[in-house]
N, C-alpha and C. Protein backbone atom coordinates (compact mmCIF):
# COMPACT_ATOMS: atom_id res chain seq x y z
N MET A 1 29.15 -38.44 -4.60
CA MET A 1 27.77 -38.79 -4.38
C MET A 1 27.38 -39.96 -5.27
N ASN A 2 27.75 -39.89 -6.57
CA ASN A 2 27.41 -40.97 -7.49
C ASN A 2 28.08 -42.28 -7.07
N THR A 3 29.28 -42.19 -6.53
CA THR A 3 29.99 -43.38 -6.09
C THR A 3 29.23 -44.06 -4.95
N ARG A 4 28.71 -43.28 -4.04
CA ARG A 4 27.95 -43.83 -2.92
C ARG A 4 26.68 -44.50 -3.41
N LEU A 5 25.98 -43.86 -4.35
CA LEU A 5 24.74 -44.44 -4.88
C LEU A 5 25.04 -45.75 -5.62
N THR A 6 26.13 -45.76 -6.38
CA THR A 6 26.51 -46.97 -7.11
C THR A 6 26.85 -48.09 -6.13
N ALA A 7 27.61 -47.76 -5.09
CA ALA A 7 27.97 -48.76 -4.09
C ALA A 7 26.73 -49.28 -3.37
N LEU A 8 25.80 -48.41 -3.05
CA LEU A 8 24.56 -48.80 -2.39
C LEU A 8 23.72 -49.70 -3.30
N ALA A 9 23.64 -49.36 -4.58
CA ALA A 9 22.90 -50.18 -5.53
C ALA A 9 23.53 -51.57 -5.68
N LEU A 10 24.86 -51.63 -5.74
CA LEU A 10 25.54 -52.92 -5.82
C LEU A 10 25.31 -53.76 -4.57
N LEU A 11 25.36 -53.12 -3.43
CA LEU A 11 25.12 -53.82 -2.17
C LEU A 11 23.70 -54.36 -2.12
N ALA A 12 22.73 -53.55 -2.52
CA ALA A 12 21.34 -53.98 -2.52
C ALA A 12 21.14 -55.15 -3.49
N GLY A 13 21.75 -55.10 -4.64
CA GLY A 13 21.65 -56.20 -5.60
C GLY A 13 22.28 -57.47 -5.08
N THR A 14 23.39 -57.33 -4.41
CA THR A 14 24.06 -58.50 -3.83
C THR A 14 23.20 -59.13 -2.75
N LEU A 15 22.62 -58.32 -1.88
CA LEU A 15 21.80 -58.84 -0.80
C LEU A 15 20.53 -59.49 -1.32
N CYS A 16 19.97 -58.99 -2.39
CA CYS A 16 18.76 -59.58 -2.96
C CYS A 16 19.04 -60.96 -3.51
N GLY A 17 20.25 -61.22 -3.95
CA GLY A 17 20.60 -62.51 -4.50
C GLY A 17 20.93 -63.56 -3.44
N CYS A 18 20.98 -63.13 -2.16
CA CYS A 18 21.33 -64.08 -1.10
C CYS A 18 20.14 -64.96 -0.76
N THR A 19 20.42 -66.18 -0.42
CA THR A 19 19.39 -67.07 0.08
C THR A 19 19.81 -67.56 1.46
N THR A 20 18.83 -67.86 2.26
CA THR A 20 19.14 -68.38 3.58
C THR A 20 18.99 -69.89 3.56
N THR A 21 19.84 -70.55 4.28
CA THR A 21 19.74 -71.99 4.39
C THR A 21 19.30 -72.32 5.80
N PRO A 22 18.50 -73.36 5.95
CA PRO A 22 18.06 -73.71 7.30
C PRO A 22 19.24 -74.18 8.14
N PRO A 23 19.15 -73.96 9.45
CA PRO A 23 20.25 -74.41 10.30
C PRO A 23 20.33 -75.94 10.29
N PRO A 24 21.50 -76.48 10.55
CA PRO A 24 21.61 -77.94 10.58
C PRO A 24 20.78 -78.49 11.74
N PRO A 25 20.34 -79.73 11.64
CA PRO A 25 19.54 -80.29 12.74
C PRO A 25 20.37 -80.40 14.01
N SER A 26 19.70 -80.26 15.13
CA SER A 26 20.38 -80.37 16.42
C SER A 26 20.72 -81.84 16.69
N PRO A 27 21.65 -82.10 17.59
CA PRO A 27 21.95 -83.50 17.94
C PRO A 27 20.71 -84.25 18.43
N ILE A 28 19.81 -83.53 19.09
CA ILE A 28 18.57 -84.15 19.57
C ILE A 28 17.72 -84.59 18.38
N GLU A 29 17.58 -83.72 17.38
CA GLU A 29 16.79 -84.08 16.20
C GLU A 29 17.47 -85.21 15.41
N VAL A 30 18.78 -85.18 15.31
CA VAL A 30 19.49 -86.27 14.61
C VAL A 30 19.17 -87.60 15.29
N ARG A 31 19.14 -87.60 16.61
CA ARG A 31 18.89 -88.83 17.38
C ARG A 31 17.44 -89.32 17.24
N TRP A 32 16.45 -88.38 17.20
CA TRP A 32 15.06 -88.77 17.30
C TRP A 32 14.20 -88.59 16.05
N GLN A 33 14.61 -87.80 15.07
CA GLN A 33 13.77 -87.60 13.88
C GLN A 33 13.51 -88.94 13.20
N GLY A 34 12.23 -89.16 12.86
CA GLY A 34 11.83 -90.38 12.18
C GLY A 34 11.54 -91.55 13.10
N LYS A 35 11.83 -91.39 14.38
CA LYS A 35 11.57 -92.47 15.35
C LYS A 35 10.18 -92.29 15.95
N SER A 36 9.69 -93.34 16.56
CA SER A 36 8.37 -93.33 17.18
C SER A 36 8.32 -92.39 18.38
N ALA A 37 7.29 -91.57 18.43
CA ALA A 37 7.09 -90.72 19.60
C ALA A 37 6.78 -91.57 20.82
N GLY A 38 6.17 -92.74 20.60
CA GLY A 38 5.89 -93.66 21.70
C GLY A 38 7.16 -94.10 22.40
N ALA A 39 8.20 -94.39 21.63
CA ALA A 39 9.49 -94.79 22.22
C ALA A 39 10.08 -93.64 23.03
N PHE A 40 9.98 -92.42 22.50
CA PHE A 40 10.48 -91.24 23.21
C PHE A 40 9.75 -91.07 24.54
N PHE A 41 8.39 -91.08 24.49
CA PHE A 41 7.61 -90.85 25.70
C PHE A 41 7.74 -92.00 26.70
N ALA A 42 7.91 -93.22 26.22
CA ALA A 42 8.12 -94.35 27.13
C ALA A 42 9.44 -94.21 27.87
N ARG A 43 10.44 -93.68 27.21
CA ARG A 43 11.76 -93.54 27.83
C ARG A 43 11.86 -92.32 28.75
N PHE A 44 11.22 -91.20 28.36
CA PHE A 44 11.46 -89.95 29.08
C PHE A 44 10.26 -89.38 29.83
N ALA A 45 9.08 -89.90 29.67
CA ALA A 45 7.85 -89.45 30.33
C ALA A 45 6.85 -88.97 29.27
N PRO A 46 5.57 -89.13 29.58
CA PRO A 46 4.55 -88.72 28.61
C PRO A 46 4.45 -87.19 28.52
N PRO A 47 3.85 -86.70 27.43
CA PRO A 47 3.66 -85.26 27.30
C PRO A 47 2.55 -84.78 28.24
N TYR A 48 2.55 -83.49 28.52
CA TYR A 48 1.50 -82.94 29.38
C TYR A 48 0.40 -82.25 28.60
N ALA A 49 0.61 -82.03 27.29
CA ALA A 49 -0.42 -81.40 26.46
C ALA A 49 -0.11 -81.67 25.00
N ASP A 50 -1.12 -81.53 24.15
CA ASP A 50 -0.90 -81.68 22.71
C ASP A 50 -1.86 -80.79 21.94
N THR A 51 -1.44 -80.45 20.72
CA THR A 51 -2.24 -79.62 19.82
C THR A 51 -2.15 -80.21 18.43
N ARG A 52 -3.29 -80.39 17.77
CA ARG A 52 -3.29 -80.90 16.40
C ARG A 52 -3.24 -79.74 15.42
N SER A 53 -2.50 -79.97 14.32
CA SER A 53 -2.39 -78.98 13.25
C SER A 53 -2.35 -79.75 11.94
N GLY A 54 -3.51 -79.93 11.31
CA GLY A 54 -3.58 -80.74 10.09
C GLY A 54 -3.27 -82.19 10.44
N ASP A 55 -2.31 -82.78 9.74
CA ASP A 55 -1.90 -84.16 10.02
C ASP A 55 -0.88 -84.25 11.14
N ASP A 56 -0.32 -83.12 11.55
CA ASP A 56 0.72 -83.10 12.57
C ASP A 56 0.11 -82.88 13.96
N THR A 57 0.82 -83.36 14.95
CA THR A 57 0.47 -83.09 16.34
C THR A 57 1.71 -82.57 17.03
N VAL A 58 1.55 -81.50 17.81
CA VAL A 58 2.65 -80.94 18.59
C VAL A 58 2.39 -81.28 20.05
N TYR A 59 3.33 -82.01 20.63
CA TYR A 59 3.24 -82.41 22.03
C TYR A 59 4.14 -81.51 22.87
N ASN A 60 3.60 -81.03 23.98
CA ASN A 60 4.40 -80.28 24.95
C ASN A 60 4.88 -81.29 25.98
N TRP A 61 6.19 -81.34 26.16
CA TRP A 61 6.81 -82.33 27.03
C TRP A 61 7.78 -81.67 27.99
N ARG A 62 7.85 -82.24 29.19
CA ARG A 62 8.84 -81.80 30.17
C ARG A 62 9.28 -83.02 30.97
N GLY A 63 10.58 -83.17 31.18
CA GLY A 63 11.07 -84.33 31.92
C GLY A 63 12.53 -84.22 32.26
N GLY A 64 13.09 -85.34 32.69
CA GLY A 64 14.50 -85.39 33.05
C GLY A 64 14.83 -84.71 34.36
N PHE A 65 13.87 -84.67 35.27
CA PHE A 65 14.08 -83.97 36.53
C PHE A 65 15.13 -84.69 37.38
N GLN A 66 16.20 -83.98 37.69
CA GLN A 66 17.21 -84.52 38.60
C GLN A 66 18.16 -83.42 39.04
N ARG A 67 18.89 -83.70 40.10
CA ARG A 67 19.94 -82.79 40.56
C ARG A 67 21.24 -83.23 39.93
N ILE A 68 21.94 -82.27 39.34
CA ILE A 68 23.21 -82.57 38.69
C ILE A 68 24.28 -81.60 39.15
N LYS A 69 25.51 -82.03 39.01
CA LYS A 69 26.65 -81.16 39.30
C LYS A 69 27.16 -80.64 37.96
N THR A 70 27.18 -79.33 37.78
CA THR A 70 27.59 -78.72 36.52
C THR A 70 29.11 -78.72 36.39
N VAL A 71 29.58 -78.38 35.20
CA VAL A 71 31.03 -78.35 34.95
C VAL A 71 31.76 -77.37 35.87
N ASP A 72 31.08 -76.35 36.33
CA ASP A 72 31.73 -75.40 37.24
C ASP A 72 31.54 -75.77 38.71
N GLY A 73 31.04 -76.98 38.98
CA GLY A 73 30.96 -77.49 40.34
C GLY A 73 29.71 -77.15 41.11
N GLN A 74 28.74 -76.49 40.52
CA GLN A 74 27.51 -76.13 41.21
C GLN A 74 26.50 -77.27 41.10
N TRP A 75 25.72 -77.49 42.15
CA TRP A 75 24.62 -78.45 42.11
C TRP A 75 23.35 -77.69 41.75
N ILE A 76 22.64 -78.16 40.73
CA ILE A 76 21.41 -77.50 40.29
C ILE A 76 20.32 -78.55 40.06
N SER A 77 19.08 -78.10 40.12
CA SER A 77 17.95 -78.94 39.72
C SER A 77 17.77 -78.75 38.22
N ALA A 78 17.89 -79.84 37.49
CA ALA A 78 17.82 -79.75 36.03
C ALA A 78 16.56 -80.42 35.51
N SER A 79 16.07 -79.89 34.41
CA SER A 79 14.97 -80.50 33.67
C SER A 79 15.04 -79.96 32.25
N CYS A 80 14.22 -80.52 31.41
CA CYS A 80 14.21 -80.13 30.00
C CYS A 80 12.75 -80.04 29.56
N SER A 81 12.42 -79.08 28.72
CA SER A 81 11.09 -79.05 28.12
C SER A 81 11.23 -78.80 26.62
N ALA A 82 10.30 -79.41 25.87
CA ALA A 82 10.40 -79.34 24.41
C ALA A 82 9.02 -79.44 23.78
N ALA A 83 8.93 -78.95 22.56
CA ALA A 83 7.77 -79.13 21.70
C ALA A 83 8.16 -80.19 20.67
N ILE A 84 7.42 -81.28 20.65
CA ILE A 84 7.74 -82.41 19.79
C ILE A 84 6.65 -82.55 18.74
N THR A 85 7.02 -82.38 17.48
CA THR A 85 6.06 -82.46 16.38
C THR A 85 6.11 -83.84 15.77
N THR A 86 4.92 -84.47 15.64
CA THR A 86 4.84 -85.79 15.02
C THR A 86 3.94 -85.74 13.79
N ASP A 87 4.16 -86.69 12.89
CA ASP A 87 3.30 -86.80 11.71
C ASP A 87 2.11 -87.70 12.03
N SER A 88 1.31 -88.01 11.02
CA SER A 88 0.11 -88.82 11.22
C SER A 88 0.43 -90.26 11.62
N ASN A 89 1.66 -90.69 11.40
CA ASN A 89 2.09 -92.05 11.79
C ASN A 89 2.74 -92.08 13.16
N TYR A 90 2.68 -90.97 13.91
CA TYR A 90 3.24 -90.86 15.26
C TYR A 90 4.77 -90.93 15.23
N ARG A 91 5.36 -90.49 14.12
CA ARG A 91 6.82 -90.41 13.98
C ARG A 91 7.24 -88.97 14.25
N ILE A 92 8.38 -88.82 14.91
CA ILE A 92 8.86 -87.48 15.27
C ILE A 92 9.40 -86.78 14.03
N LYS A 93 8.87 -85.59 13.76
CA LYS A 93 9.34 -84.75 12.66
C LYS A 93 10.34 -83.70 13.15
N ALA A 94 10.10 -83.18 14.34
CA ALA A 94 10.96 -82.11 14.87
C ALA A 94 10.86 -82.07 16.38
N ILE A 95 11.96 -81.67 17.00
CA ILE A 95 11.98 -81.42 18.44
C ILE A 95 12.61 -80.05 18.65
N HIS A 96 11.83 -79.16 19.26
CA HIS A 96 12.32 -77.81 19.55
C HIS A 96 12.40 -77.64 21.07
N VAL A 97 13.60 -77.46 21.58
CA VAL A 97 13.79 -77.28 23.01
C VAL A 97 13.22 -75.93 23.42
N ILE A 98 12.39 -75.96 24.46
CA ILE A 98 11.76 -74.74 24.96
C ILE A 98 12.56 -74.15 26.12
N SER A 99 12.96 -75.01 27.07
CA SER A 99 13.81 -74.53 28.17
C SER A 99 14.87 -75.58 28.46
N ASP A 100 16.02 -75.09 28.85
CA ASP A 100 17.19 -75.94 29.03
C ASP A 100 18.02 -75.35 30.16
N ARG A 101 18.89 -76.15 30.72
CA ARG A 101 19.83 -75.72 31.75
C ARG A 101 21.22 -76.16 31.34
N GLN A 102 22.21 -75.65 32.04
CA GLN A 102 23.58 -76.12 31.83
C GLN A 102 23.62 -77.58 32.25
N GLY A 103 24.34 -78.38 31.48
CA GLY A 103 24.45 -79.79 31.79
C GLY A 103 25.65 -80.11 32.67
N SER A 104 25.83 -81.40 32.95
CA SER A 104 26.97 -81.80 33.76
C SER A 104 28.26 -81.87 32.95
N LYS A 105 28.12 -81.92 31.60
CA LYS A 105 29.29 -82.01 30.73
C LYS A 105 29.44 -80.83 29.78
N GLY A 106 28.43 -79.99 29.68
CA GLY A 106 28.48 -78.90 28.73
C GLY A 106 27.31 -77.94 28.91
N PRO A 107 27.03 -77.14 27.88
CA PRO A 107 26.04 -76.08 28.01
C PRO A 107 24.58 -76.53 27.96
N SER A 108 24.28 -77.79 27.56
CA SER A 108 22.89 -78.18 27.37
C SER A 108 22.56 -79.49 28.09
N TYR A 109 21.75 -79.38 29.13
CA TYR A 109 21.27 -80.57 29.82
C TYR A 109 20.35 -81.37 28.89
N CYS A 110 19.50 -80.69 28.12
CA CYS A 110 18.59 -81.39 27.21
C CYS A 110 19.36 -82.26 26.20
N THR A 111 20.43 -81.74 25.65
CA THR A 111 21.23 -82.51 24.70
C THR A 111 21.83 -83.74 25.39
N GLU A 112 22.37 -83.57 26.60
CA GLU A 112 22.93 -84.71 27.33
C GLU A 112 21.86 -85.76 27.61
N LEU A 113 20.68 -85.32 28.02
CA LEU A 113 19.61 -86.24 28.38
C LEU A 113 19.04 -86.97 27.16
N LEU A 114 18.72 -86.20 26.12
CA LEU A 114 17.95 -86.75 25.00
C LEU A 114 18.80 -87.40 23.92
N THR A 115 20.12 -87.31 24.02
CA THR A 115 20.96 -87.99 23.03
C THR A 115 21.69 -89.19 23.61
N ALA A 116 21.53 -89.42 24.92
CA ALA A 116 22.21 -90.56 25.54
C ALA A 116 21.63 -91.87 25.00
N GLU A 117 22.50 -92.82 24.78
CA GLU A 117 22.04 -94.13 24.28
C GLU A 117 21.53 -95.00 25.37
């Protein structure tokens, strides 16, 4: 019994000392963070809604509508939607994909669309 309590106490102490690290940025964020939201919207379509939060603005965006052939040979209608957070200078701080489909080259149509040069 004492061995179990000691092991449980050690485990609890170990877990309390753990810290979480944020996930690495997505390829989409690597491509667009710090860039003008105007350039993004000019290239991919304007947002359909926005919400202000302090100095930041979150834009709801959807675009990239097209029919594509997926890696498994199926034809699908693809599009991408995302929440794009900008700072007071209209620079992109974060892009969070809301909905995505399988792409023509891999699992993410949004990544294929938004990281293409």
